[in-house]
């Protein structure tokens, strides 16, 4: 059993991007699908889908690279951890690389990027930062 399934997801994406994989398979959950949706809407991954199996399903993420094969995900880092949760009000949300990166936030509305959180005026738990 994993102590932090979201950290496992981020590590799988980080490792697959380093070795230039096209796809990565991750055990699915609602929060992981939410994180994948944010990464897709912000342009860090090409697409994702959930493949049903006998257990919880598999989240298949298609990674995206630049026109010359350069990485789009330079760093993906877990912020809120099981041992130390990090919550933030909408006015205190971090600006990752002065707006060049994103922070993924779990809110009462769902999993959103920091830009959408500022538009909707909602805060929550900081899941990770990506740039």
Protein backbone atom coordinates (compact mmCIF):
# COMPACT_ATOMS: atom_id res chain seq x y z
CA UNK A 1 0.00 0.00 0.00
CA UNK A 2 1.23 3.48 -0.87
CA UNK A 3 1.32 6.22 1.71
CA UNK A 4 0.94 8.94 -0.95
CA UNK A 5 -0.69 7.94 -4.27
CA UNK A 6 -0.46 11.47 -5.70
CA UNK A 7 3.30 11.58 -5.13
CA UNK A 8 3.48 8.22 -6.93
CA UNK A 9 1.58 9.73 -9.89
CA UNK A 10 3.88 12.75 -10.07
CA UNK A 11 6.98 10.54 -9.81
CA UNK A 12 5.76 8.31 -12.64
CA UNK A 13 5.15 11.35 -14.86
CA UNK A 14 8.55 12.85 -13.93
CA UNK A 15 10.41 9.59 -14.65
CA UNK A 16 8.58 8.97 -17.93
CA UNK A 17 9.34 12.51 -19.12
CA UNK A 18 13.03 12.09 -18.33
CA UNK A 19 13.32 9.00 -20.52
CA UNK A 20 11.10 10.50 -23.28
CA UNK A 21 8.19 8.05 -23.00
CA UNK A 22 5.04 8.84 -24.97
CA UNK A 23 2.62 7.41 -22.42
CA UNK A 24 2.60 6.52 -18.74
CA UNK A 25 0.11 4.29 -16.93
CA UNK A 26 -1.02 5.15 -13.40
CA UNK A 27 -3.63 3.55 -11.10
CA UNK A 28 -6.69 5.83 -11.39
CA UNK A 29 -8.59 7.87 -8.82
CA UNK A 30 -10.82 10.96 -9.02
CA UNK A 31 -8.12 13.31 -7.73
CA UNK A 32 -5.53 11.92 -10.17
CA UNK A 33 -7.98 12.42 -13.05
CA UNK A 34 -8.49 16.00 -11.82
CA UNK A 35 -4.74 16.63 -11.80
CA UNK A 36 -4.46 15.15 -15.31
CA UNK A 37 -7.30 17.44 -16.48
CA UNK A 38 -5.47 20.50 -15.13
CA UNK A 39 -2.19 19.40 -16.79
CA UNK A 40 -4.05 18.93 -20.09
CA UNK A 41 -5.87 22.28 -19.93
CA UNK A 42 -2.60 24.09 -19.13
CA UNK A 43 -0.79 22.36 -22.04
CA UNK A 44 1.67 20.14 -20.15
CA UNK A 45 0.27 16.83 -21.47
CA UNK A 46 -1.39 15.94 -24.74
CA UNK A 47 -4.28 13.84 -23.46
CA UNK A 48 -5.37 11.30 -20.87
CA UNK A 49 -7.99 8.58 -20.59
CA UNK A 50 -9.19 6.10 -17.98
CA UNK A 51 -9.08 2.43 -18.96
CA UNK A 52 -11.42 0.29 -16.88
CA UNK A 53 -10.09 -2.97 -15.44
CA UNK A 54 -11.10 -5.39 -12.67
CA UNK A 55 -9.77 -3.08 -9.95
CA UNK A 56 -9.75 0.72 -9.80
CA UNK A 57 -8.95 1.50 -13.44
CA UNK A 58 -5.81 2.76 -15.13
CA UNK A 59 -5.15 6.40 -15.97
CA UNK A 60 -3.18 6.57 -19.22
CA UNK A 61 -1.40 9.90 -19.71
CA UNK A 62 0.12 10.94 -23.05
CA UNK A 63 3.11 13.18 -22.43
CA UNK A 64 3.81 16.24 -24.57
CA UNK A 65 7.14 17.50 -25.84
CA UNK A 66 8.23 20.62 -27.73
CA UNK A 67 8.68 20.84 -31.50
CA UNK A 68 12.36 19.85 -31.21
CA UNK A 69 11.74 17.21 -28.54
CA UNK A 70 12.44 19.44 -25.53
CA UNK A 71 10.72 18.80 -22.22
CA UNK A 72 7.61 20.79 -21.37
CA UNK A 73 7.62 19.49 -17.80
CA UNK A 74 10.94 20.67 -16.36
CA UNK A 75 9.95 20.07 -12.75
CA UNK A 76 6.84 18.65 -11.12
CA UNK A 77 6.97 18.84 -7.34
CA UNK A 78 4.60 17.73 -4.57
CA UNK A 79 3.81 20.59 -2.15
CA UNK A 80 1.21 19.28 0.30
CA UNK A 81 2.25 15.96 1.79
CA UNK A 82 0.40 13.52 4.07
CA UNK A 83 2.60 14.51 7.01
CA UNK A 84 2.34 18.25 6.39
CA UNK A 85 -0.71 19.49 4.51
CA UNK A 86 -0.41 22.93 2.87
CA UNK A 87 -3.54 25.02 2.45
CA UNK A 88 -3.69 28.47 0.93
CA UNK A 89 -6.24 31.26 0.63
CA UNK A 90 -6.86 32.64 -2.83
CA UNK A 91 -4.80 35.78 -2.11
CA UNK A 92 -1.88 33.69 -0.82
CA UNK A 93 -1.62 31.26 -3.77
CA UNK A 94 1.98 31.04 -5.00
CA UNK A 95 3.00 32.39 -8.38
CA UNK A 96 5.22 29.67 -9.82
CA UNK A 97 8.13 31.15 -11.82
CA UNK A 98 6.32 34.51 -11.95
CA UNK A 99 3.38 32.99 -13.83
CA UNK A 100 5.32 30.74 -16.21
CA UNK A 101 4.44 27.64 -14.18
CA UNK A 102 1.27 26.50 -12.44
CA UNK A 103 0.19 25.37 -9.02
CA UNK A 104 -2.42 22.59 -8.90
CA UNK A 105 -4.95 23.20 -6.12
CA UNK A 106 -7.62 20.88 -4.70
CA UNK A 107 -10.65 23.05 -3.88
CA UNK A 108 -14.27 22.57 -2.91
CA UNK A 109 -15.12 23.15 -6.60
CA UNK A 110 -12.67 20.46 -7.80
CA UNK A 111 -9.02 20.27 -8.80
CA UNK A 112 -8.03 23.57 -10.46
CA UNK A 113 -4.95 25.49 -11.53
CA UNK A 114 -3.92 28.59 -9.60
CA UNK A 115 -5.10 30.84 -12.46
CA UNK A 116 -8.61 29.40 -12.38
CA UNK A 117 -8.62 29.61 -8.56
CA UNK A 118 -7.90 33.33 -8.77
CA UNK A 119 -10.70 33.80 -11.33
CA UNK A 120 -13.22 31.87 -9.20
CA UNK A 121 -11.89 33.41 -5.96
CA UNK A 122 -11.42 30.05 -4.20
CA UNK A 123 -8.47 28.59 -2.26
CA UNK A 124 -7.64 25.08 -1.11
CA UNK A 125 -4.91 22.49 -0.67
CA UNK A 126 -1.79 23.00 -2.80
CA UNK A 127 -1.19 19.63 -4.47
CA UNK A 128 1.84 20.35 -6.63
CA UNK A 129 3.71 22.90 -8.73
CA UNK A 130 4.66 22.37 -12.37
CA UNK A 131 6.98 24.26 -14.70
